[in-house]
Amino acid sequence: MIIKSDSPFHTMLPNQNNNLDELLETRRYEEAAQLFTAVQDAHFTNRNLSRLLTVANQICLACAQSRSETKWHEWAGKESQRREDQLLEVLAELINESLAPDTPAQSAATDWPAPVITIESPTSIIMPEDEGLPRLVIYTLGTFQVYQDDKPLDTWPSKKGSSIFKYLLFNREHPIHKATLMRIFWPDSSDEAQRNNLNVTIYNLRQALRSEETDFSHIVFQNDCYRVNPDLNIWIDSEQFLKFYKAARRCQQENPEAAAHEYLAAVALYQGMFLPDDSYDRWIEDQRQTLQSAYIQALEYLGSYAFDRGDYTACIAACQKLLTVEPCLEAAYCQIMRCHSRQGQPYLALRHYHQCVRALNAELDTDPMPETTRLYEQIRSGERI
């Protein structure tokens, strides 16, 4: 028993669906999340309870996503085993043919059968293996954290030093002239003050980044330009996210399964807004928009892919993630409504319609599109969706 039988919470549950213990024990997390939402709607004036129920709802949705990802990985494991068996068959055929005696009918040049690989696993996250140089692992999605050789860098010389490091990091393909840095980060200071501020900030930044085991310089200066040392081994979550996303786009038409794998790997990396604690500098805002747009497209694909294959739990999870970044996206609400309807849960489908109405009214001061309302009426009348 997860929830105590004498808990006051049981008295708040809707009469038609009050067995929260059973939902949790059978891992029907979406239904449990909807149950928490129902209680929250009924007791919206109780702010403390509302906050608690919001957290409970989010935990249930996270559990549902974990189960969905587990199913994906189980499926991927079976596909990998099938691919291995295929390749072994090709290898056996190749060896047998190469060792068979020549016959007059056999051509001089044998056309070996090509391996049939229909499913590709997600692209590997490849880190350089040069042990002689410092290695940086940098997280920028939902947080900013730098690890050097698996040790966190928690002490930055200043907010300005951290900002300059980020700017150099994401422009590391090209040297940045010192005048550019002075103009960007100290626009209102005199020339002399700009030079002094930049010199002091770069010096302190180098000291903060310097490893105890080496004198390796992370920031190099040449021809009046600064740049991140090109010899550094660097992995950045947002860059890896875009690699997965672009890999999925390339194979989306010819190999939907492989695209789904790549998109799923990308979604797993996206833990929130790009550099969320930084000011809205133009370059940061542009990158935020690029990454969020790619994240939305990945979730839309995964939702449609799961829906077409009858995996309604995975589809709902993808759409719920969509609504965390686009709370007025009617298409996501409609997809969730269809999923619940096909799962024999029309009451959950109808509840999502009402959530859609509230979100649109609150955020955009508008009503749902006729298509959305029509879907609601069809489900309410018991039509098969």
Protein backbone atom coordinates (compact mmCIF):
# COMPACT_ATOMS: atom_id res chain seq x y z
CA MET A 1 0.00 0.00 0.00
CA ILE A 2 1.56 3.29 -1.08
CA ILE A 3 -1.01 5.77 0.28
CA LYS A 4 -2.21 5.09 3.82
CA SER A 5 -5.82 3.96 3.92
CA ASP A 6 -6.68 6.57 6.58
CA SER A 7 -5.03 9.41 4.68
CA PRO A 8 -7.27 12.52 4.34
CA PHE A 9 -6.30 12.54 0.67
CA HIS A 10 -8.63 9.61 -0.02
CA THR A 11 -11.64 11.74 0.90
CA MET A 12 -10.71 14.21 -1.85
CA LEU A 13 -10.68 11.66 -4.68
CA PRO A 14 -13.49 11.58 -7.27
CA ASN A 15 -15.98 8.81 -6.44
CA GLN A 16 -15.70 7.09 -9.80
CA ASN A 17 -11.94 6.61 -9.63
CA ASN A 18 -10.66 6.65 -6.08
CA ASN A 19 -8.23 3.74 -6.03
CA LEU A 20 -4.98 5.68 -6.27
CA ASP A 21 -3.06 2.79 -4.73
CA GLU A 22 -4.05 0.50 -7.59
CA LEU A 23 -3.07 3.07 -10.22
CA LEU A 24 0.37 3.51 -8.72
CA GLU A 25 0.96 -0.16 -8.04
CA THR A 26 0.00 -1.06 -11.62
CA ARG A 27 2.08 1.86 -12.92
CA ARG A 28 -0.81 3.61 -14.64
CA TYR A 29 0.91 6.91 -14.05
CA GLU A 30 -1.03 9.03 -16.56
CA GLU A 31 -4.30 8.15 -14.85
CA ALA A 32 -2.77 8.92 -11.46
CA ALA A 33 -1.56 12.28 -12.78
CA GLN A 34 -5.07 13.06 -14.01
CA LEU A 35 -6.42 12.10 -10.60
CA PHE A 36 -4.10 14.59 -8.92
CA THR A 37 -5.25 17.22 -11.43
CA ALA A 38 -8.89 16.48 -10.61
CA VAL A 39 -8.26 17.03 -6.90
CA GLN A 40 -6.31 20.20 -7.69
CA ASP A 41 -9.22 21.55 -9.75
CA ALA A 42 -11.63 20.81 -6.92
CA HIS A 43 -9.44 22.48 -4.27
CA PHE A 44 -7.86 25.27 -6.30
CA THR A 45 -8.27 27.78 -3.45
CA ASN A 46 -5.87 25.81 -1.23
CA ARG A 47 -2.50 27.08 -2.45
CA ASN A 48 -0.33 24.72 -0.40
CA LEU A 49 -2.34 21.69 -1.53
CA SER A 50 -2.26 22.97 -5.11
CA ARG A 51 1.53 23.19 -5.07
CA LEU A 52 1.81 19.70 -3.59
CA LEU A 53 -0.52 18.27 -6.23
CA THR A 54 1.40 19.99 -9.01
CA VAL A 55 4.57 18.26 -7.86
CA ALA A 56 2.73 14.93 -7.54
CA ASN A 57 1.38 15.34 -11.08
CA GLN A 58 4.86 16.07 -12.44
CA ILE A 59 6.35 13.05 -10.66
CA CYS A 60 3.70 10.78 -12.17
CA LEU A 61 4.34 12.15 -15.66
CA ALA A 62 8.09 11.68 -15.15
CA CYS A 63 7.45 8.06 -14.12
CA ALA A 64 5.33 7.57 -17.23
CA GLN A 65 8.10 8.97 -19.38
CA SER A 66 10.63 6.65 -17.73
CA ARG A 67 8.43 3.64 -18.49
CA SER A 68 8.01 4.82 -22.05
CA GLU A 69 11.76 5.21 -22.49
CA THR A 70 12.30 1.77 -20.97
CA LYS A 71 9.97 0.29 -23.57
CA TRP A 72 11.87 2.09 -26.29
CA HIS A 73 15.17 0.73 -25.07
CA GLU A 74 13.79 -2.80 -24.74
CA TRP A 75 12.55 -2.55 -28.31
CA ALA A 76 15.93 -1.16 -29.43
CA GLY A 77 17.69 -4.09 -27.72
CA LYS A 78 15.57 -6.60 -29.62
CA GLU A 79 16.24 -4.78 -32.88
CA SER A 80 19.98 -4.75 -32.18
CA GLN A 81 19.90 -8.51 -31.56
CA ARG A 82 18.03 -9.00 -34.83
CA ARG A 83 20.61 -6.92 -36.68
CA GLU A 84 23.41 -8.95 -35.11
CA ASP A 85 21.76 -12.18 -36.28
CA GLN A 86 21.39 -10.76 -39.79
CA LEU A 87 25.03 -9.79 -39.94
CA LEU A 88 26.15 -13.20 -38.70
CA GLU A 89 24.10 -14.84 -41.46
CA VAL A 90 25.76 -12.60 -44.04
CA LEU A 91 29.18 -13.40 -42.58
CA ALA A 92 28.49 -17.15 -42.70
CA GLU A 93 27.30 -16.92 -46.29
CA LEU A 94 30.33 -14.89 -47.28
CA ILE A 95 32.76 -17.40 -45.70
CA ASN A 96 30.98 -20.42 -47.13
CA GLU A 97 30.99 -18.98 -50.63
CA SER A 98 34.62 -17.95 -50.45
CA LEU A 99 35.68 -21.47 -49.45
CA ALA A 100 33.46 -23.31 -51.91
CA PRO A 101 35.22 -24.92 -54.94
CA ASP A 102 34.99 -22.99 -58.19
CA THR A 103 32.48 -24.17 -60.75
CA PRO A 104 32.18 -23.18 -64.40
CA ALA A 105 29.02 -21.31 -63.63
CA GLN A 106 30.69 -19.26 -60.95
CA SER A 107 31.88 -15.84 -62.07
CA ALA A 108 35.39 -14.71 -61.33
CA ALA A 109 34.16 -11.76 -59.33
CA THR A 110 31.65 -12.68 -56.64
CA ASP A 111 28.95 -10.16 -55.76
CA TRP A 112 28.92 -10.44 -52.00
CA PRO A 113 25.53 -9.83 -50.40
CA ALA A 114 25.28 -6.47 -48.68
CA PRO A 115 24.33 -6.46 -45.00
CA VAL A 116 20.73 -5.45 -44.47
CA ILE A 117 20.59 -2.97 -41.63
CA THR A 118 17.16 -1.47 -41.29
CA ILE A 119 17.44 -0.01 -37.81
CA GLU A 120 20.18 2.32 -36.66
CA SER A 121 20.95 2.87 -33.03
CA PRO A 122 21.34 6.45 -31.75
CA THR A 123 24.59 8.14 -32.65
CA SER A 124 27.25 7.54 -30.01
CA ILE A 125 28.28 10.39 -27.77
CA ILE A 126 31.94 10.38 -28.73
CA MET A 127 34.50 12.02 -26.47
CA PRO A 128 38.14 12.46 -27.53
CA GLU A 129 40.48 9.97 -25.93
CA ASP A 130 43.65 12.04 -25.70
CA GLU A 131 44.54 11.64 -22.04
CA GLY A 132 47.28 14.26 -22.25
CA LEU A 133 44.90 17.22 -22.48
CA PRO A 134 42.18 18.56 -20.19
CA ARG A 135 38.68 17.42 -21.10
CA LEU A 136 35.62 19.59 -20.59
CA VAL A 137 32.06 18.28 -20.30
CA ILE A 138 29.62 21.19 -20.35
CA TYR A 139 25.89 21.20 -19.65
CA THR A 140 23.91 24.17 -20.95
CA LEU A 141 20.32 22.90 -21.20
CA GLY A 142 18.35 23.72 -18.08
CA THR A 143 21.53 24.64 -16.21
CA PHE A 144 25.13 25.67 -16.73
CA GLN A 145 27.72 23.30 -15.31
CA VAL A 146 31.29 22.63 -16.38
CA TYR A 147 33.24 19.48 -15.51
CA GLN A 148 36.96 19.25 -16.14
CA ASP A 149 38.24 15.69 -16.12
CA ASP A 150 35.08 14.66 -14.21
CA LYS A 151 35.57 17.37 -11.56
CA PRO A 152 32.99 20.17 -11.35
CA LEU A 153 34.16 23.76 -11.82
CA ASP A 154 32.02 25.59 -9.29
CA THR A 155 34.08 28.72 -8.71
CA TRP A 156 34.01 31.39 -11.39
CA PRO A 157 36.00 34.61 -10.99
CA SER A 158 32.98 36.77 -11.82
CA LYS A 159 29.69 36.82 -13.70
CA LYS A 160 31.49 38.66 -16.50
CA GLY A 161 34.22 36.02 -16.65
CA SER A 162 31.63 33.26 -16.95
CA SER A 163 29.83 35.17 -19.72
CA ILE A 164 33.04 35.72 -21.69
CA PHE A 165 33.89 32.02 -21.39
CA LYS A 166 30.46 31.08 -22.78
CA TYR A 167 30.81 33.55 -25.64
CA LEU A 168 34.26 32.24 -26.57
CA LEU A 169 33.06 28.65 -26.13
CA PHE A 170 30.21 28.93 -28.61
CA ASN A 171 32.30 30.93 -31.06
CA ARG A 172 35.37 28.76 -30.70
CA GLU A 173 35.68 28.02 -34.42
CA HIS A 174 36.98 31.55 -34.97
CA PRO A 175 39.26 33.87 -32.96
CA ILE A 176 37.46 36.86 -31.40
CA HIS A 177 39.22 40.23 -31.54
CA LYS A 178 39.72 41.84 -28.15
CA ALA A 179 37.96 45.00 -29.36
CA THR A 180 34.83 42.92 -29.99
CA LEU A 181 34.88 41.54 -26.46
CA MET A 182 35.43 44.99 -24.97
CA ARG A 183 32.55 46.46 -26.96
CA ILE A 184 30.16 43.62 -26.04
CA PHE A 185 30.91 43.32 -22.34
CA TRP A 186 31.88 46.91 -21.37
CA PRO A 187 30.01 49.10 -23.86
CA ASP A 188 29.79 52.14 -21.58
CA SER A 189 33.41 52.19 -20.34
CA SER A 190 36.37 54.17 -21.68
CA ASP A 191 38.94 52.48 -23.91
CA GLU A 192 41.46 52.23 -21.09
CA ALA A 193 38.88 50.84 -18.66
CA GLN A 194 37.75 48.32 -21.26
CA ARG A 195 41.32 47.05 -21.79
CA ASN A 196 42.00 46.80 -18.06
CA ASN A 197 38.70 45.04 -17.37
CA LEU A 198 39.26 42.55 -20.17
CA ASN A 199 42.85 41.79 -19.13
CA VAL A 200 41.88 41.23 -15.49
CA THR A 201 38.83 39.11 -16.41
CA ILE A 202 40.77 36.89 -18.82
CA TYR A 203 43.58 36.42 -16.28
CA ASN A 204 41.14 35.40 -13.54
CA LEU A 205 39.26 33.16 -15.97
CA ARG A 206 42.46 31.34 -16.92
CA GLN A 207 43.30 30.84 -13.26
CA ALA A 208 39.85 29.41 -12.53
CA LEU A 209 40.10 26.98 -15.45
CA ARG A 210 43.69 25.94 -14.86
CA SER A 211 44.13 22.35 -13.74
CA GLU A 212 46.43 21.55 -10.84
CA GLU A 213 48.20 18.88 -12.87
CA THR A 214 49.09 21.01 -15.89
CA ASP A 215 49.88 24.53 -17.05
CA PHE A 216 47.66 24.06 -20.09
CA SER A 217 46.00 27.37 -21.06
CA HIS A 218 42.31 27.13 -21.85
CA ILE A 219 42.16 30.64 -23.35
CA VAL A 220 44.80 31.52 -25.95
CA PHE A 221 45.72 34.97 -27.31
CA GLN A 222 47.20 35.58 -30.74
CA ASN A 223 47.15 38.53 -33.16
CA ASP A 224 45.04 40.58 -30.72
CA CYS A 225 42.40 37.81 -30.68
CA TYR A 226 41.16 35.47 -27.98
CA ARG A 227 39.77 31.98 -28.44
CA VAL A 228 39.21 28.75 -26.54
CA ASN A 229 42.27 26.57 -27.01
CA PRO A 230 41.51 24.41 -30.08
CA ASP A 231 43.43 21.51 -28.50
CA LEU A 232 40.83 21.18 -25.74
CA ASN A 233 38.63 18.09 -25.74
CA ILE A 234 35.11 19.50 -25.37
CA TRP A 235 31.64 17.91 -25.22
CA ILE A 236 28.57 20.16 -24.89
CA ASP A 237 25.06 18.81 -24.39
CA SER A 238 23.39 21.39 -26.66
CA GLU A 239 25.79 20.63 -29.51
CA GLN A 240 25.23 16.89 -29.08
CA PHE A 241 21.48 17.55 -29.01
CA LEU A 242 21.71 19.22 -32.42
CA LYS A 243 23.79 16.33 -33.79
CA PHE A 244 21.08 13.86 -32.79
CA TYR A 245 18.40 16.16 -34.20
CA LYS A 246 20.17 16.61 -37.55
CA ALA A 247 20.86 12.88 -37.80
CA ALA A 248 17.13 12.23 -37.30
CA ARG A 249 16.19 14.75 -39.96
CA ARG A 250 18.52 13.12 -42.47
CA CYS A 251 16.97 9.67 -42.13
CA GLN A 252 13.39 10.65 -41.31
CA GLN A 253 11.96 9.82 -44.74
CA GLU A 254 13.87 6.63 -45.52
CA ASN A 255 14.14 5.12 -42.04
CA PRO A 256 11.45 6.29 -39.57
CA GLU A 257 12.65 3.87 -36.85
CA ALA A 258 16.19 5.25 -36.96
CA ALA A 259 14.83 8.79 -36.88
CA ALA A 260 12.78 7.93 -33.81
CA HIS A 261 15.91 6.62 -32.06
CA GLU A 262 17.85 9.79 -32.85
CA TYR A 263 14.99 12.05 -31.79
CA LEU A 264 14.58 10.11 -28.55
CA ALA A 265 18.28 10.56 -27.80
CA ALA A 266 17.96 14.29 -28.48
CA VAL A 267 14.91 14.65 -26.24
CA ALA A 268 16.75 12.89 -23.40
CA LEU A 269 19.45 15.58 -23.54
CA TYR A 270 17.05 18.53 -23.52
CA GLN A 271 16.61 19.27 -19.83
CA GLY A 272 15.39 22.85 -20.19
CA MET A 273 16.10 26.26 -21.65
CA PHE A 274 19.55 27.00 -23.06
CA LEU A 275 21.65 28.90 -20.47
CA PRO A 276 18.55 29.79 -18.40
CA ASP A 277 20.34 32.09 -15.96
CA ASP A 278 21.92 34.32 -18.59
CA SER A 279 20.65 37.64 -19.84
CA TYR A 280 18.84 37.79 -23.14
CA ASP A 281 21.84 38.58 -25.30
CA ARG A 282 21.07 38.27 -28.99
CA TRP A 283 23.32 35.26 -29.59
CA ILE A 284 21.91 33.44 -26.55
CA GLU A 285 18.31 34.15 -27.50
CA ASP A 286 18.87 32.98 -31.09
CA GLN A 287 20.38 29.72 -29.85
CA ARG A 288 17.54 29.26 -27.37
CA GLN A 289 14.98 29.59 -30.11
CA THR A 290 16.88 27.19 -32.39
CA LEU A 291 17.17 24.51 -29.72
CA GLN A 292 13.59 24.85 -28.48
CA SER A 293 12.24 24.69 -32.03
CA ALA A 294 14.25 21.50 -32.65
CA TYR A 295 13.01 20.05 -29.35
CA ILE A 296 9.39 20.73 -30.32
CA GLN A 297 9.85 19.13 -33.74
CA ALA A 298 11.46 16.06 -32.14
CA LEU A 299 8.55 15.63 -29.73
CA GLU A 300 5.98 16.12 -32.49
CA TYR A 301 7.66 13.39 -34.53
CA LEU A 302 7.89 11.01 -31.56
CA GLY A 303 4.25 11.64 -30.67
CA SER A 304 3.06 10.92 -34.22
CA TYR A 305 5.39 7.93 -34.54
CA ALA A 306 4.08 6.39 -31.31
CA PHE A 307 0.43 7.15 -32.16
CA ASP A 308 0.70 5.50 -35.59
CA ARG A 309 2.03 2.34 -33.90
CA GLY A 310 -0.62 2.25 -31.21
CA ASP A 311 1.76 3.16 -28.37
CA TYR A 312 -0.61 5.67 -26.82
CA THR A 313 1.28 5.90 -23.54
CA ALA A 314 4.42 7.05 -25.34
CA CYS A 315 2.37 9.46 -27.45
CA ILE A 316 0.78 11.03 -24.37
CA ALA A 317 4.20 11.40 -22.73
CA ALA A 318 5.59 13.19 -25.79
CA CYS A 319 2.58 15.51 -25.96
CA GLN A 320 2.80 16.31 -22.25
CA LYS A 321 6.40 17.36 -22.77
CA LEU A 322 5.27 19.52 -25.69
CA LEU A 323 2.77 21.30 -23.48
CA THR A 324 5.46 22.22 -20.96
CA VAL A 325 7.09 24.44 -23.62
CA GLU A 326 3.99 25.28 -25.70
CA PRO A 327 1.05 25.27 -23.24
CA CYS A 328 -1.40 26.49 -25.92
CA LEU A 329 -0.54 23.92 -28.58
CA GLU A 330 -3.98 22.60 -29.52
CA ALA A 331 -2.58 19.80 -31.67
CA ALA A 332 -0.96 18.27 -28.57
CA TYR A 333 -4.21 18.43 -26.60
CA CYS A 334 -6.08 16.79 -29.50
CA GLN A 335 -3.52 14.02 -29.76
CA ILE A 336 -3.80 13.31 -26.03
CA MET A 337 -7.60 13.29 -26.35
CA ARG A 338 -7.43 10.75 -29.17
CA CYS A 339 -5.04 8.55 -27.18
CA HIS A 340 -7.24 8.49 -24.08
CA SER A 341 -10.31 7.84 -26.20
CA ARG A 342 -8.65 4.84 -27.85
CA GLN A 343 -7.53 3.59 -24.43
CA GLY A 344 -11.14 3.56 -23.28
CA GLN A 345 -10.67 6.62 -21.05
CA PRO A 346 -13.03 9.24 -22.49
CA TYR A 347 -13.29 11.08 -19.17
CA LEU A 348 -9.54 11.81 -19.36
CA ALA A 349 -9.90 12.94 -22.96
CA LEU A 350 -12.67 15.36 -22.01
CA ARG A 351 -10.65 16.69 -19.10
CA HIS A 352 -7.81 17.58 -21.46
CA TYR A 353 -10.24 19.50 -23.63
CA HIS A 354 -11.23 21.61 -20.62
CA GLN A 355 -7.56 22.14 -19.79
CA CYS A 356 -7.05 23.31 -23.35
CA VAL A 357 -9.93 25.77 -23.02
CA ARG A 358 -8.50 27.20 -19.79
CA ALA A 359 -4.99 27.53 -21.23
CA LEU A 360 -6.19 29.30 -24.38
CA ASN A 361 -8.40 31.65 -22.41
CA ALA A 362 -5.69 32.48 -19.90
CA GLU A 363 -2.76 32.85 -22.31
CA LEU A 364 -4.34 34.03 -25.57
CA ASP A 365 -7.85 35.15 -24.58
CA THR A 366 -9.33 32.93 -27.27
CA ASP A 367 -11.35 29.73 -27.68
CA PRO A 368 -10.29 26.39 -29.20
CA MET A 369 -10.46 25.93 -32.95
CA PRO A 370 -13.63 24.33 -34.36
CA GLU A 371 -11.68 21.13 -35.09
CA THR A 372 -10.76 20.77 -31.43
CA THR A 373 -14.33 21.37 -30.26
CA ARG A 374 -15.61 18.92 -32.87
CA LEU A 375 -13.24 16.23 -31.53
CA TYR A 376 -14.52 16.95 -28.01
CA GLU A 377 -18.15 16.52 -29.13
CA GLN A 378 -17.34 13.26 -30.91
CA ILE A 379 -15.70 11.78 -27.83
CA ARG A 380 -18.48 13.04 -25.54
CA SER A 381 -21.12 11.42 -27.77
CA GLY A 382 -19.25 8.10 -27.68
CA GLU A 383 -18.07 8.07 -31.29
CA ARG A 384 -15.09 5.91 -32.14
CA ILE A 385 -12.04 8.08 -32.73
